[in-house]
Amino acid sequence: MAYRTRTYIAADWEHDKDVVDYLRRLNDSDYFRLDFVDAHEWKQAKDTSLACTIKKSLSERLNGSKNFILIVSNTTDTRRSGSCQYCHSYNSIYGTCRAGGHVDMRSFIQYECEKAVRDNMKIVVIYKSSRLETHLCPEILKKCGTHVPAYKYDSSGILHWNIKGMTEAINN
Protein backbone atom coordinates (compact mmCIF):
# COMPACT_ATOMS: atom_id res chain seq x y z
CA MET A 1 0.00 0.00 0.00
CA ALA A 2 1.21 3.51 -0.79
CA TYR A 3 2.42 5.72 2.02
CA ARG A 4 -0.52 7.78 3.24
CA THR A 5 0.28 11.47 3.57
CA ARG A 6 -2.81 13.38 2.46
CA THR A 7 -6.04 14.64 3.96
CA TYR A 8 -9.23 13.75 2.14
CA ILE A 9 -12.20 16.12 2.39
CA ALA A 10 -15.66 14.72 1.65
CA ALA A 11 -18.70 16.95 1.38
CA ASP A 12 -21.86 17.71 -0.52
CA TRP A 13 -19.89 19.95 -2.90
CA GLU A 14 -23.09 21.55 -4.15
CA HIS A 15 -24.13 22.87 -0.72
CA ASP A 16 -21.04 22.76 1.51
CA LYS A 17 -18.20 24.00 -0.69
CA ASP A 18 -17.96 27.18 1.43
CA VAL A 19 -16.73 25.14 4.41
CA VAL A 20 -14.27 23.23 2.21
CA ASP A 21 -12.96 26.50 0.78
CA TYR A 22 -12.60 27.93 4.29
CA LEU A 23 -10.59 24.88 5.45
CA ARG A 24 -8.32 25.32 2.43
CA ARG A 25 -7.82 29.01 3.27
CA LEU A 26 -6.96 28.08 6.87
CA ASN A 27 -4.53 25.51 5.55
CA ASP A 28 -2.81 28.15 3.41
CA SER A 29 -2.72 30.70 6.24
CA ASP A 30 0.51 31.35 8.10
CA TYR A 31 -1.42 32.11 11.28
CA PHE A 32 -4.00 29.28 11.41
CA ARG A 33 -2.03 26.63 9.55
CA LEU A 34 -3.87 23.33 9.49
CA ASP A 35 -0.90 21.65 7.84
CA PHE A 36 -2.53 19.16 5.50
CA VAL A 37 -1.99 18.13 1.91
CA ASP A 38 -5.35 18.08 0.14
CA ALA A 39 -5.94 14.75 -1.61
CA HIS A 40 -8.18 16.45 -4.17
CA GLU A 41 -5.21 18.36 -5.56
CA TRP A 42 -3.44 15.09 -6.29
CA LYS A 43 -5.61 13.12 -8.71
CA GLN A 44 -8.76 13.89 -10.67
CA ALA A 45 -11.24 11.57 -12.37
CA LYS A 46 -10.72 11.51 -16.12
CA ASP A 47 -14.26 10.49 -17.02
CA THR A 48 -16.98 12.24 -15.05
CA SER A 49 -19.83 10.49 -16.83
CA LEU A 50 -19.70 7.19 -14.97
CA ALA A 51 -20.04 6.84 -11.21
CA CYS A 52 -17.75 3.79 -11.24
CA THR A 53 -14.95 5.80 -12.89
CA ILE A 54 -15.31 8.59 -10.35
CA LYS A 55 -15.35 6.07 -7.46
CA LYS A 56 -12.13 4.56 -8.80
CA SER A 57 -10.50 8.00 -8.67
CA LEU A 58 -11.95 8.62 -5.18
CA SER A 59 -10.52 5.28 -4.06
CA GLU A 60 -7.04 6.21 -5.33
CA ARG A 61 -7.17 9.54 -3.48
CA LEU A 62 -8.43 7.84 -0.30
CA ASN A 63 -5.65 5.24 -0.57
CA GLY A 64 -3.08 8.04 -0.41
CA SER A 65 -4.77 9.72 2.56
CA LYS A 66 -4.29 9.22 6.28
CA ASN A 67 -6.97 11.72 7.39
CA PHE A 68 -10.62 11.91 6.40
CA ILE A 69 -12.72 15.03 6.93
CA LEU A 70 -16.46 14.93 6.33
CA ILE A 71 -18.45 18.15 6.18
CA VAL A 72 -21.99 17.42 7.43
CA SER A 73 -25.04 19.56 6.69
CA ASN A 74 -28.77 19.06 6.13
CA THR A 75 -28.12 17.43 2.73
CA THR A 76 -25.16 15.14 3.46
CA ASP A 77 -26.91 11.93 4.44
CA THR A 78 -29.61 12.26 1.78
CA ARG A 79 -27.31 12.82 -1.23
CA ARG A 80 -27.61 10.01 -3.75
CA SER A 81 -25.16 11.29 -6.37
CA GLY A 82 -22.83 8.46 -7.32
CA SER A 83 -25.41 5.68 -7.08
CA CYS A 84 -25.47 3.58 -10.24
CA GLN A 85 -29.24 3.93 -10.42
CA TYR A 86 -28.68 7.51 -11.69
CA CYS A 87 -26.08 6.55 -14.31
CA HIS A 88 -27.09 6.38 -17.98
CA SER A 89 -25.18 3.07 -18.25
CA TYR A 90 -27.22 1.34 -15.56
CA ASN A 91 -29.71 -1.23 -16.87
CA SER A 92 -32.45 -1.30 -14.23
CA ILE A 93 -34.18 -4.32 -15.76
CA TYR A 94 -31.16 -6.58 -15.35
CA GLY A 95 -29.39 -4.63 -12.60
CA THR A 96 -26.22 -4.46 -14.65
CA CYS A 97 -23.91 -1.84 -16.09
CA ARG A 98 -23.95 -1.46 -19.87
CA ALA A 99 -20.38 -0.11 -19.69
CA GLY A 100 -19.19 -3.25 -17.88
CA GLY A 101 -18.62 -1.54 -14.54
CA HIS A 102 -19.36 -2.87 -11.08
CA VAL A 103 -22.88 -1.92 -9.93
CA ASP A 104 -22.75 0.05 -6.67
CA MET A 105 -25.84 1.76 -5.29
CA ARG A 106 -23.94 3.73 -2.65
CA SER A 107 -23.64 7.48 -3.07
CA PHE A 108 -20.19 9.03 -3.36
CA ILE A 109 -20.44 10.16 0.27
CA GLN A 110 -21.50 6.71 1.51
CA TYR A 111 -18.66 5.15 -0.47
CA GLU A 112 -16.08 7.61 0.92
CA CYS A 113 -17.25 7.18 4.52
CA GLU A 114 -17.25 3.39 4.36
CA LYS A 115 -13.77 3.31 2.84
CA ALA A 116 -12.44 5.73 5.48
CA VAL A 117 -13.73 3.48 8.27
CA ARG A 118 -12.56 0.28 6.57
CA ASP A 119 -9.08 1.77 6.01
CA ASN A 120 -8.89 2.93 9.64
CA MET A 121 -8.24 6.56 8.72
CA LYS A 122 -8.23 9.39 11.25
CA ILE A 123 -11.77 10.80 10.95
CA VAL A 124 -12.92 14.35 11.63
CA VAL A 125 -16.59 15.26 11.17
CA ILE A 126 -17.30 18.99 10.85
CA TYR A 127 -20.92 20.04 11.16
CA LYS A 128 -22.02 23.06 9.12
CA SER A 129 -23.68 24.35 12.26
CA SER A 130 -22.91 25.83 15.68
CA ARG A 131 -23.70 22.51 17.36
CA LEU A 132 -23.14 18.81 16.83
CA GLU A 133 -26.12 17.60 14.84
CA THR A 134 -25.26 13.92 14.82
CA HIS A 135 -28.68 12.99 13.44
CA LEU A 136 -27.43 14.46 10.11
CA CYS A 137 -24.23 12.39 10.11
CA PRO A 138 -24.04 9.15 8.10
CA GLU A 139 -24.64 6.24 10.47
CA ILE A 140 -21.23 4.69 9.89
CA LEU A 141 -19.45 7.80 11.24
CA LYS A 142 -21.74 8.71 14.15
CA LYS A 143 -19.46 7.03 16.70
CA CYS A 144 -16.15 7.45 14.87
CA GLY A 145 -13.49 10.07 15.14
CA THR A 146 -13.74 13.65 16.35
CA HIS A 147 -16.91 15.70 15.80
CA VAL A 148 -16.83 19.49 15.85
CA PRO A 149 -19.15 22.33 14.76
CA ALA A 150 -17.90 24.66 12.00
CA TYR A 151 -19.25 27.72 13.81
CA LYS A 152 -19.46 29.03 17.35
CA TYR A 153 -21.03 31.98 19.11
CA ASP A 154 -18.77 34.45 20.87
CA SER A 155 -19.57 36.01 24.24
CA SER A 156 -21.65 38.75 22.58
CA GLY A 157 -23.78 36.25 20.66
CA ILE A 158 -22.15 36.76 17.24
CA LEU A 159 -21.63 33.67 15.08
CA HIS A 160 -18.04 33.04 13.90
CA TRP A 161 -16.05 30.22 12.35
CA ASN A 162 -14.93 27.73 15.00
CA ILE A 163 -11.28 28.07 13.98
CA LYS A 164 -9.83 26.69 17.21
CA GLY A 165 -12.16 23.68 17.29
CA MET A 166 -11.59 22.74 13.65
CA THR A 167 -7.83 23.31 13.85
CA GLU A 168 -7.47 21.17 17.00
CA ALA A 169 -9.63 18.39 15.57
CA ILE A 170 -7.67 18.24 12.33
CA ASN A 171 -4.15 18.75 13.71
CA ASN A 172 -4.37 16.44 16.75
C-alpha atoms as a PDB file:
ATOM      1  CA  MET A   1       0.000   0.000   0.000  1.00  0.00           C
ATOM      2  CA  ALA A   2       1.208   3.506  -0.786  1.00  0.00           C
ATOM      3  CA  TYR A   3       2.420   5.715   2.021  1.00  0.00           C
ATOM      4  CA  ARG A   4      -0.521   7.782   3.240  1.00  0.00           C
ATOM      5  CA  THR A   5       0.281  11.473   3.570  1.00  0.00           C
ATOM      6  CA  ARG A   6      -2.805  13.379   2.459  1.00  0.00           C
ATOM      7  CA  THR A   7      -6.038  14.641   3.963  1.00  0.00           C
ATOM      8  CA  TYR A   8      -9.226  13.753   2.137  1.00  0.00           C
ATOM      9  CA  ILE A   9     -12.195  16.119   2.389  1.00  0.00           C
ATOM     10  CA  ALA A  10     -15.660  14.725   1.648  1.00  0.00           C
ATOM     11  CA  ALA A  11     -18.705  16.949   1.376  1.00  0.00           C
ATOM     12  CA  ASP A  12     -21.860  17.712  -0.523  1.00  0.00           C
ATOM     13  CA  TRP A  13     -19.892  19.947  -2.904  1.00  0.00           C
ATOM     14  CA  GLU A  14     -23.089  21.551  -4.154  1.00  0.00           C
ATOM     15  CA  HIS A  15     -24.134  22.866  -0.721  1.00  0.00           C
ATOM     16  CA  ASP A  16     -21.043  22.762   1.508  1.00  0.00           C
ATOM     17  CA  LYS A  17     -18.199  23.997  -0.685  1.00  0.00           C
ATOM     18  CA  ASP A  18     -17.964  27.176   1.432  1.00  0.00           C
ATOM     19  CA  VAL A  19     -16.727  25.137   4.412  1.00  0.00           C
ATOM     20  CA  VAL A  20     -14.272  23.227   2.214  1.00  0.00           C
ATOM     21  CA  ASP A  21     -12.964  26.498   0.781  1.00  0.00           C
ATOM     22  CA  TYR A  22     -12.597  27.926   4.288  1.00  0.00           C
ATOM     23  CA  LEU A  23     -10.591  24.877   5.448  1.00  0.00           C
ATOM     24  CA  ARG A  24      -8.323  25.316   2.433  1.00  0.00           C
ATOM     25  CA  ARG A  25      -7.818  29.008   3.266  1.00  0.00           C
ATOM     26  CA  LEU A  26      -6.956  28.085   6.870  1.00  0.00           C
ATOM     27  CA  ASN A  27      -4.531  25.510   5.553  1.00  0.00           C
ATOM     28  CA  ASP A  28      -2.806  28.148   3.415  1.00  0.00           C
ATOM     29  CA  SER A  29      -2.719  30.704   6.237  1.00  0.00           C
ATOM     30  CA  ASP A  30       0.510  31.351   8.097  1.00  0.00           C
ATOM     31  CA  TYR A  31      -1.420  32.108  11.276  1.00  0.00           C
ATOM     32  CA  PHE A  32      -3.995  29.281  11.406  1.00  0.00           C
ATOM     33  CA  ARG A  33      -2.031  26.625   9.554  1.00  0.00           C
ATOM     34  CA  LEU A  34      -3.870  23.332   9.489  1.00  0.00           C
ATOM     35  CA  ASP A  35      -0.899  21.652   7.842  1.00  0.00           C
ATOM     36  CA  PHE A  36      -2.528  19.156   5.504  1.00  0.00           C
ATOM     37  CA  VAL A  37      -1.986  18.131   1.908  1.00  0.00           C
ATOM     38  CA  ASP A  38      -5.354  18.080   0.144  1.00  0.00           C
ATOM     39  CA  ALA A  39      -5.937  14.747  -1.606  1.00  0.00           C
ATOM     40  CA  HIS A  40      -8.182  16.448  -4.169  1.00  0.00           C
ATOM     41  CA  GLU A  41      -5.211  18.359  -5.558  1.00  0.00           C
ATOM     42  CA  TRP A  42      -3.445  15.085  -6.289  1.00  0.00           C
ATOM     43  CA  LYS A  43      -5.610  13.117  -8.710  1.00  0.00           C
ATOM     44  CA  GLN A  44      -8.760  13.891 -10.674  1.00  0.00           C
ATOM     45  CA  ALA A  45     -11.237  11.570 -12.370  1.00  0.00           C
ATOM     46  CA  LYS A  46     -10.720  11.512 -16.125  1.00  0.00           C
ATOM     47  CA  ASP A  47     -14.258  10.491 -17.025  1.00  0.00           C
ATOM     48  CA  THR A  48     -16.975  12.243 -15.051  1.00  0.00           C
ATOM     49  CA  SER A  49     -19.830  10.492 -16.828  1.00  0.00           C
ATOM     50  CA  LEU A  50     -19.703   7.188 -14.969  1.00  0.00           C
ATOM     51  CA  ALA A  51     -20.039   6.839 -11.211  1.00  0.00           C
ATOM     52  CA  CYS A  52     -17.750   3.788 -11.236  1.00  0.00           C
ATOM     53  CA  THR A  53     -14.955   5.796 -12.894  1.00  0.00           C
ATOM     54  CA  ILE A  54     -15.307   8.588 -10.350  1.00  0.00           C
ATOM     55  CA  LYS A  55     -15.346   6.072  -7.463  1.00  0.00           C
ATOM     56  CA  LYS A  56     -12.125   4.557  -8.802  1.00  0.00           C
ATOM     57  CA  SER A  57     -10.504   8.002  -8.670  1.00  0.00           C
ATOM     58  CA  LEU A  58     -11.950   8.619  -5.183  1.00  0.00           C
ATOM     59  CA  SER A  59     -10.518   5.284  -4.064  1.00  0.00           C
ATOM     60  CA  GLU A  60      -7.038   6.210  -5.332  1.00  0.00           C
ATOM     61  CA  ARG A  61      -7.171   9.541  -3.482  1.00  0.00           C
ATOM     62  CA  LEU A  62      -8.429   7.841  -0.301  1.00  0.00           C
ATOM     63  CA  ASN A  63      -5.652   5.238  -0.575  1.00  0.00           C
ATOM     64  CA  GLY A  64      -3.085   8.037  -0.412  1.00  0.00           C
ATOM     65  CA  SER A  65      -4.769   9.720   2.559  1.00  0.00           C
ATOM     66  CA  LYS A  66      -4.293   9.222   6.279  1.00  0.00           C
ATOM     67  CA  ASN A  67      -6.970  11.721   7.389  1.00  0.00           C
ATOM     68  CA  PHE A  68     -10.617  11.911   6.395  1.00  0.00           C
ATOM     69  CA  ILE A  69     -12.715  15.034   6.934  1.00  0.00           C
ATOM     70  CA  LEU A  70     -16.459  14.933   6.326  1.00  0.00           C
ATOM     71  CA  ILE A  71     -18.454  18.146   6.183  1.00  0.00           C
ATOM     72  CA  VAL A  72     -21.990  17.423   7.427  1.00  0.00           C
ATOM     73  CA  SER A  73     -25.038  19.564   6.689  1.00  0.00           C
ATOM     74  CA  ASN A  74     -28.768  19.061   6.125  1.00  0.00           C
ATOM     75  CA  THR A  75     -28.121  17.434   2.733  1.00  0.00           C
ATOM     76  CA  THR A  76     -25.160  15.143   3.458  1.00  0.00           C
ATOM     77  CA  ASP A  77     -26.907  11.925   4.443  1.00  0.00           C
ATOM     78  CA  THR A  78     -29.610  12.258   1.782  1.00  0.00           C
ATOM     79  CA  ARG A  79     -27.307  12.821  -1.226  1.00  0.00           C
ATOM     80  CA  ARG A  80     -27.606  10.011  -3.752  1.00  0.00           C
ATOM     81  CA  SER A  81     -25.158  11.290  -6.373  1.00  0.00           C
ATOM     82  CA  GLY A  82     -22.835   8.458  -7.322  1.00  0.00           C
ATOM     83  CA  SER A  83     -25.406   5.684  -7.078  1.00  0.00           C
ATOM     84  CA  CYS A  84     -25.472   3.584 -10.239  1.00  0.00           C
ATOM     85  CA  GLN A  85     -29.238   3.934 -10.420  1.00  0.00           C
ATOM     86  CA  TYR A  86     -28.682   7.513 -11.695  1.00  0.00           C
ATOM     87  CA  CYS A  87     -26.083   6.552 -14.310  1.00  0.00           C
ATOM     88  CA  HIS A  88     -27.086   6.381 -17.979  1.00  0.00           C
ATOM     89  CA  SER A  89     -25.181   3.065 -18.249  1.00  0.00           C
ATOM     90  CA  TYR A  90     -27.219   1.338 -15.563  1.00  0.00           C
ATOM     91  CA  ASN A  91     -29.714  -1.233 -16.874  1.00  0.00           C
ATOM     92  CA  SER A  92     -32.448  -1.302 -14.228  1.00  0.00           C
ATOM     93  CA  ILE A  93     -34.177  -4.321 -15.760  1.00  0.00           C
ATOM     94  CA  TYR A  94     -31.156  -6.581 -15.347  1.00  0.00           C
ATOM     95  CA  GLY A  95     -29.391  -4.634 -12.600  1.00  0.00           C
ATOM     96  CA  THR A  96     -26.223  -4.457 -14.652  1.00  0.00           C
ATOM     97  CA  CYS A  97     -23.912  -1.836 -16.089  1.00  0.00           C
ATOM     98  CA  ARG A  98     -23.948  -1.456 -19.870  1.00  0.00           C
ATOM     99  CA  ALA A  99     -20.379  -0.108 -19.686  1.00  0.00           C
ATOM    100  CA  GLY A 100     -19.192  -3.254 -17.882  1.00  0.00           C
ATOM    101  CA  GLY A 101     -18.621  -1.538 -14.545  1.00  0.00           C
ATOM    102  CA  HIS A 102     -19.364  -2.866 -11.081  1.00  0.00           C
ATOM    103  CA  VAL A 103     -22.884  -1.916  -9.929  1.00  0.00           C
ATOM    104  CA  ASP A 104     -22.747   0.046  -6.674  1.00  0.00           C
ATOM    105  CA  MET A 105     -25.845   1.757  -5.290  1.00  0.00           C
ATOM    106  CA  ARG A 106     -23.937   3.733  -2.652  1.00  0.00           C
ATOM    107  CA  SER A 107     -23.635   7.480  -3.070  1.00  0.00           C
ATOM    108  CA  PHE A 108     -20.193   9.028  -3.356  1.00  0.00           C
ATOM    109  CA  ILE A 109     -20.441  10.159   0.275  1.00  0.00           C
ATOM    110  CA  GLN A 110     -21.495   6.707   1.511  1.00  0.00           C
ATOM    111  CA  TYR A 111     -18.657   5.146  -0.470  1.00  0.00           C
ATOM    112  CA  GLU A 112     -16.084   7.611   0.920  1.00  0.00           C
ATOM    113  CA  CYS A 113     -17.252   7.185   4.525  1.00  0.00           C
ATOM    114  CA  GLU A 114     -17.252   3.386   4.361  1.00  0.00           C
ATOM    115  CA  LYS A 115     -13.772   3.310   2.840  1.00  0.00           C
ATOM    116  CA  ALA A 116     -12.437   5.735   5.475  1.00  0.00           C
ATOM    117  CA  VAL A 117     -13.728   3.480   8.267  1.00  0.00           C
ATOM    118  CA  ARG A 118     -12.564   0.283   6.565  1.00  0.00           C
ATOM    119  CA  ASP A 119      -9.080   1.771   6.008  1.00  0.00           C
ATOM    120  CA  ASN A 120      -8.886   2.933   9.638  1.00  0.00           C
ATOM    121  CA  MET A 121      -8.242   6.562   8.715  1.00  0.00           C
ATOM    122  CA  LYS A 122      -8.231   9.392  11.251  1.00  0.00           C
ATOM    123  CA  ILE A 123     -11.770  10.797  10.952  1.00  0.00           C
ATOM    124  CA  VAL A 124     -12.924  14.354  11.630  1.00  0.00           C
ATOM    125  CA  VAL A 125     -16.586  15.263  11.172  1.00  0.00           C
ATOM    126  CA  ILE A 126     -17.296  18.991  10.848  1.00  0.00           C
ATOM    127  CA  TYR A 127     -20.920  20.044  11.155  1.00  0.00           C
ATOM    128  CA  LYS A 128     -22.020  23.057   9.119  1.00  0.00           C
ATOM    129  CA  SER A 129     -23.680  24.347  12.262  1.00  0.00           C
ATOM    130  CA  SER A 130     -22.913  25.828  15.677  1.00  0.00           C
ATOM    131  CA  ARG A 131     -23.699  22.507  17.358  1.00  0.00           C
ATOM    132  CA  LEU A 132     -23.145  18.812  16.831  1.00  0.00           C
ATOM    133  CA  GLU A 133     -26.119  17.596  14.843  1.00  0.00           C
ATOM    134  CA  THR A 134     -25.262  13.916  14.822  1.00  0.00           C
ATOM    135  CA  HIS A 135     -28.683  12.989  13.437  1.00  0.00           C
ATOM    136  CA  LEU A 136     -27.431  14.456  10.114  1.00  0.00           C
ATOM    137  CA  CYS A 137     -24.234  12.386  10.110  1.00  0.00           C
ATOM    138  CA  PRO A 138     -24.037   9.148   8.096  1.00  0.00           C
ATOM    139  CA  GLU A 139     -24.643   6.243  10.471  1.00  0.00           C
ATOM    140  CA  ILE A 140     -21.232   4.690   9.888  1.00  0.00           C
ATOM    141  CA  LEU A 141     -19.452   7.805  11.244  1.00  0.00           C
ATOM    142  CA  LYS A 142     -21.742   8.708  14.151  1.00  0.00           C
ATOM    143  CA  LYS A 143     -19.462   7.027  16.700  1.00  0.00           C
ATOM    144  CA  CYS A 144     -16.155   7.450  14.871  1.00  0.00           C
ATOM    145  CA  GLY A 145     -13.486  10.074  15.142  1.00  0.00           C
ATOM    146  CA  THR A 146     -13.738  13.650  16.351  1.00  0.00           C
ATOM    147  CA  HIS A 147     -16.913  15.697  15.803  1.00  0.00           C
ATOM    148  CA  VAL A 148     -16.829  19.489  15.849  1.00  0.00           C
ATOM    149  CA  PRO A 149     -19.148  22.330  14.760  1.00  0.00           C
ATOM    150  CA  ALA A 150     -17.900  24.659  11.996  1.00  0.00           C
ATOM    151  CA  TYR A 151     -19.255  27.723  13.808  1.00  0.00           C
ATOM    152  CA  LYS A 152     -19.463  29.034  17.351  1.00  0.00           C
ATOM    153  CA  TYR A 153     -21.032  31.983  19.108  1.00  0.00           C
ATOM    154  CA  ASP A 154     -18.773  34.450  20.869  1.00  0.00           C
ATOM    155  CA  SER A 155     -19.569  36.012  24.243  1.00  0.00           C
ATOM    156  CA  SER A 156     -21.646  38.752  22.578  1.00  0.00           C
ATOM    157  CA  GLY A 157     -23.778  36.253  20.661  1.00  0.00           C
ATOM    158  CA  ILE A 158     -22.146  36.761  17.243  1.00  0.00           C
ATOM    159  CA  LEU A 159     -21.628  33.668  15.082  1.00  0.00           C
ATOM    160  CA  HIS A 160     -18.038  33.041  13.897  1.00  0.00           C
ATOM    161  CA  TRP A 161     -16.045  30.225  12.347  1.00  0.00           C
ATOM    162  CA  ASN A 162     -14.927  27.733  15.001  1.00  0.00           C
ATOM    163  CA  ILE A 163     -11.279  28.070  13.976  1.00  0.00           C
ATOM    164  CA  LYS A 164      -9.828  26.687  17.206  1.00  0.00           C
ATOM    165  CA  GLY A 165     -12.160  23.679  17.289  1.00  0.00           C
ATOM    166  CA  MET A 166     -11.594  22.739  13.647  1.00  0.00           C
ATOM    167  CA  THR A 167      -7.835  23.305  13.848  1.00  0.00           C
ATOM    168  CA  GLU A 168      -7.471  21.175  16.997  1.00  0.00           C
ATOM    169  CA  ALA A 169      -9.635  18.387  15.573  1.00  0.00           C
ATOM    170  CA  ILE A 170      -7.674  18.236  12.328  1.00  0.00           C
ATOM    171  CA  ASN A 171      -4.150  18.746  13.706  1.00  0.00           C
ATOM    172  CA  ASN A 172      -4.371  16.445  16.754  1.00  0.00           C
END
